[in-house]
Amino acid sequence: MKLPRKADFEKALLNQYTKAVQLSQKAGHQVSFRVVVDPRAGAQTISIVEEDPLVGDSVFPVEEAGEPDDELKAALSSARERGRRRVAEILSEDDMLSADVFSDLLGVSRVTVNTKRQNGQVLGLDGAKRGFRFPAWQLDQDGRPYASLPKLHEILAGAWAVYRFLVSPHGALDGRTGLDALKRGQDSGVIAAAEGIARGDFR
């Protein structure tokens, strides 16, 4: 069994790590990369994997440092397409507002909305074809974005991760979604639950 030279492997690993960092910054949510070793040939494949922003599974492998077989290529292509369709479905929902409509709702300019999105003060979800969409439900009964949104962005590191947290039920919130808990004024519990998820506690 012939193993790749250590220097070559370390270089490939570093290159993929750098690409993963760049992809994470561009996509606004977590990515990872993995090394797969073939026990028969000793071949090593390094894959960058974009985390599914909707279900938390790694189903968006975006680059392979090797040649996957046709079956694997088909599976990866299918996973990417499912992810794209699901994102498109979410962004086409009635409560997903364009930047123009959302800025009118807040009574501010579109530029201000974009700044607030970049600062994590509002939740904006990116879609390749539809642009950013802003859930109307992120506003409290007074028409202001929930005060915990910046902290949630800081903890969960990505708009889609914040979205998933807000629409999913959590044991730490007595089975309520993050959004339901915010509506009840349970900000401290919401932050604690998000911190638990960031630590890997999914109860």
Protein backbone atom coordinates (compact mmCIF):
# COMPACT_ATOMS: atom_id res chain seq x y z
CA MET A 1 0.00 0.00 0.00
CA LYS A 2 1.45 3.29 -1.13
CA LEU A 3 0.60 6.27 1.09
CA PRO A 4 0.75 9.87 -0.15
CA ARG A 5 3.76 11.87 0.92
CA LYS A 6 3.22 13.68 4.20
CA ALA A 7 4.15 17.05 2.73
CA ASP A 8 1.67 16.64 -0.13
CA PHE A 9 -1.12 15.63 2.20
CA GLU A 10 -0.45 18.51 4.61
CA LYS A 11 -0.49 20.97 1.72
CA ALA A 12 -3.82 19.61 0.45
CA LEU A 13 -5.24 19.71 3.97
CA LEU A 14 -4.20 23.33 4.45
CA ASN A 15 -5.61 24.32 1.06
CA GLN A 16 -8.97 22.75 1.83
CA TYR A 17 -9.05 24.37 5.27
CA THR A 18 -8.47 27.78 3.70
CA LYS A 19 -11.26 27.17 1.19
CA ALA A 20 -13.59 26.06 4.00
CA VAL A 21 -12.95 29.30 5.89
CA GLN A 22 -13.63 31.37 2.77
CA LEU A 23 -16.81 29.44 2.01
CA SER A 24 -18.08 29.84 5.58
CA GLN A 25 -17.58 33.60 5.44
CA LYS A 26 -19.31 33.85 2.06
CA ALA A 27 -22.23 31.55 2.93
CA GLY A 28 -22.79 32.95 6.43
CA HIS A 29 -23.01 29.59 8.15
CA GLN A 30 -20.84 26.72 9.27
CA VAL A 31 -18.89 24.48 6.96
CA SER A 32 -16.52 21.64 7.72
CA PHE A 33 -14.17 19.33 5.91
CA ARG A 34 -13.45 15.65 6.34
CA VAL A 35 -10.76 13.19 5.38
CA VAL A 36 -11.80 9.81 3.99
CA VAL A 37 -9.20 7.01 3.89
CA ASP A 38 -9.64 3.95 1.69
CA PRO A 39 -8.38 0.97 3.77
CA ARG A 40 -7.60 -1.02 0.64
CA ALA A 41 -5.58 1.49 -1.33
CA GLY A 42 -4.58 3.96 1.34
CA ALA A 43 -5.98 6.76 -0.79
CA GLN A 44 -7.10 9.84 1.06
CA THR A 45 -9.88 12.19 -0.02
CA ILE A 46 -10.41 15.59 1.57
CA SER A 47 -13.92 17.00 1.17
CA ILE A 48 -15.24 20.46 2.04
CA VAL A 49 -18.77 20.08 3.35
CA GLU A 50 -21.28 22.89 3.66
CA GLU A 51 -23.63 22.32 6.61
CA ASP A 52 -27.28 22.13 5.66
CA PRO A 53 -28.70 25.38 7.05
CA LEU A 54 -32.14 23.84 7.37
CA VAL A 55 -31.77 20.46 9.05
CA GLY A 56 -28.29 20.56 10.49
CA ASP A 57 -26.96 17.69 8.41
CA SER A 58 -23.92 17.82 6.17
CA VAL A 59 -25.57 17.28 2.82
CA PHE A 60 -23.84 19.90 0.68
CA PRO A 61 -20.39 18.52 -0.16
CA VAL A 62 -19.06 21.26 -2.39
CA GLU A 63 -15.60 20.16 -3.39
CA GLU A 64 -13.70 16.90 -3.55
CA ALA A 65 -9.93 16.60 -3.44
CA GLY A 66 -10.17 13.32 -5.26
CA GLU A 67 -12.28 11.60 -7.87
CA PRO A 68 -15.50 10.17 -6.41
CA ASP A 69 -17.13 7.40 -8.37
CA ASP A 70 -20.25 7.97 -10.48
CA GLU A 71 -22.60 6.72 -7.77
CA LEU A 72 -21.17 9.13 -5.21
CA LYS A 73 -21.27 12.01 -7.68
CA ALA A 74 -24.94 11.32 -8.36
CA ALA A 75 -25.73 11.19 -4.64
CA LEU A 76 -23.94 14.47 -3.97
CA SER A 77 -25.65 16.15 -6.90
CA SER A 78 -29.03 14.94 -5.68
CA ALA A 79 -28.33 16.22 -2.15
CA ARG A 80 -27.36 19.64 -3.47
CA GLU A 81 -30.51 19.83 -5.55
CA ARG A 82 -32.72 18.86 -2.60
CA GLY A 83 -31.10 21.58 -0.54
CA ARG A 84 -31.60 24.19 -3.25
CA ARG A 85 -35.25 23.24 -3.65
CA ARG A 86 -35.89 23.43 0.09
CA VAL A 87 -34.23 26.85 0.33
CA ALA A 88 -36.33 28.08 -2.60
CA GLU A 89 -39.51 26.79 -0.93
CA ILE A 90 -38.75 28.60 2.31
CA LEU A 91 -37.84 31.87 0.61
CA SER A 92 -41.04 31.81 -1.46
CA GLU A 93 -43.31 31.66 1.60
CA ASP A 94 -45.70 34.57 2.09
CA ASP A 95 -44.00 35.83 5.25
CA MET A 96 -40.60 36.10 3.56
CA LEU A 97 -40.33 39.77 2.62
CA SER A 98 -38.05 41.49 0.15
CA ALA A 99 -35.64 44.12 1.44
CA ASP A 100 -37.86 46.87 0.03
CA VAL A 101 -41.00 45.63 1.76
CA PHE A 102 -39.19 44.91 5.00
CA SER A 103 -37.57 48.36 5.05
CA ASP A 104 -41.01 49.96 4.55
CA LEU A 105 -42.34 47.86 7.41
CA LEU A 106 -39.56 49.12 9.69
CA GLY A 107 -39.80 52.66 8.39
CA VAL A 108 -36.13 52.77 7.43
CA SER A 109 -34.15 52.76 4.20
CA ARG A 110 -33.07 49.62 2.37
CA VAL A 111 -29.46 50.57 3.12
CA THR A 112 -30.26 50.61 6.84
CA VAL A 113 -31.91 47.19 6.59
CA ASN A 114 -28.81 45.82 4.88
CA THR A 115 -26.60 47.27 7.62
CA LYS A 116 -28.83 45.75 10.30
CA ARG A 117 -28.65 42.40 8.51
CA GLN A 118 -24.86 42.51 8.41
CA ASN A 119 -24.78 43.40 12.12
CA GLY A 120 -27.16 40.58 13.02
CA GLN A 121 -29.86 42.98 14.19
CA VAL A 122 -32.33 41.50 11.72
CA LEU A 123 -32.54 38.08 10.12
CA GLY A 124 -31.98 38.04 6.36
CA LEU A 125 -31.83 34.76 4.46
CA ASP A 126 -29.88 34.54 1.24
CA GLY A 127 -31.22 32.86 -1.86
CA ALA A 128 -29.13 32.79 -5.02
CA LYS A 129 -32.02 33.79 -7.30
CA ARG A 130 -34.38 35.65 -4.98
CA GLY A 131 -31.85 37.76 -3.07
CA PHE A 132 -32.20 38.29 0.66
CA ARG A 133 -35.56 37.60 2.25
CA PHE A 134 -36.58 38.81 5.71
CA PRO A 135 -39.10 36.83 7.79
CA ALA A 136 -41.94 39.10 8.90
CA TRP A 137 -42.25 37.09 12.13
CA GLN A 138 -38.91 38.37 13.46
CA LEU A 139 -40.71 41.55 14.58
CA ASP A 140 -42.27 41.74 18.05
CA GLN A 141 -45.73 43.07 18.83
CA ASP A 142 -44.37 46.61 18.70
CA GLY A 143 -43.00 46.10 15.20
CA ARG A 144 -39.36 45.96 16.27
CA PRO A 145 -36.90 43.13 15.62
CA TYR A 146 -36.51 40.87 18.64
CA ALA A 147 -33.73 42.20 20.85
CA SER A 148 -32.10 38.77 21.12
CA LEU A 149 -31.37 38.48 17.40
CA PRO A 150 -27.84 39.97 17.55
CA LYS A 151 -26.88 37.58 20.35
CA LEU A 152 -28.34 34.62 18.47
CA HIS A 153 -26.31 35.54 15.40
CA GLU A 154 -23.20 35.76 17.56
CA ILE A 155 -23.80 32.37 19.19
CA LEU A 156 -25.02 30.39 16.19
CA ALA A 157 -22.76 32.04 13.60
CA GLY A 158 -24.99 32.21 10.56
CA ALA A 159 -28.40 33.44 9.43
CA TRP A 160 -29.65 30.01 8.40
CA ALA A 161 -28.56 28.58 11.74
CA VAL A 162 -30.55 31.31 13.50
CA TYR A 163 -33.54 30.55 11.27
CA ARG A 164 -33.37 26.84 12.04
CA PHE A 165 -33.12 27.56 15.76
CA LEU A 166 -36.12 29.89 15.73
CA VAL A 167 -38.47 27.57 13.83
CA SER A 168 -37.47 24.32 15.58
CA PRO A 169 -38.78 23.01 18.93
CA HIS A 170 -36.23 22.60 21.71
CA GLY A 171 -36.32 20.46 24.82
CA ALA A 172 -34.54 23.21 26.74
CA LEU A 173 -37.53 25.46 25.95
CA ASP A 174 -40.14 22.89 27.04
CA GLY A 175 -40.67 21.83 23.44
CA ARG A 176 -41.33 25.33 22.19
CA THR A 177 -39.63 26.82 19.17
CA GLY A 178 -37.14 29.58 19.71
CA LEU A 179 -39.62 32.03 18.16
CA ASP A 180 -42.47 30.96 20.46
CA ALA A 181 -40.19 31.44 23.46
CA LEU A 182 -39.24 34.93 22.27
CA LYS A 183 -42.92 35.80 21.89
CA ARG A 184 -43.37 34.78 25.53
CA GLY A 185 -40.55 37.08 26.60
CA GLN A 186 -38.23 34.20 27.51
CA ASP A 187 -35.12 35.84 26.09
CA SER A 188 -32.72 34.47 28.69
CA GLY A 189 -33.98 30.93 28.13
CA VAL A 190 -33.67 31.34 24.38
CA ILE A 191 -30.07 32.51 24.68
CA ALA A 192 -29.25 29.63 27.04
CA ALA A 193 -30.79 27.12 24.62
CA ALA A 194 -28.80 28.55 21.71
CA GLU A 195 -25.60 28.37 23.75
CA GLY A 196 -26.37 24.73 24.50
CA ILE A 197 -26.74 23.97 20.81
CA ALA A 198 -23.49 25.77 20.04
CA ARG A 199 -21.79 23.51 22.60
CA GLY A 200 -23.29 20.45 20.94
CA ASP A 201 -26.07 19.88 23.48
CA PHE A 202 -29.12 19.14 21.33
CA ARG A 203 -31.55 18.20 24.07
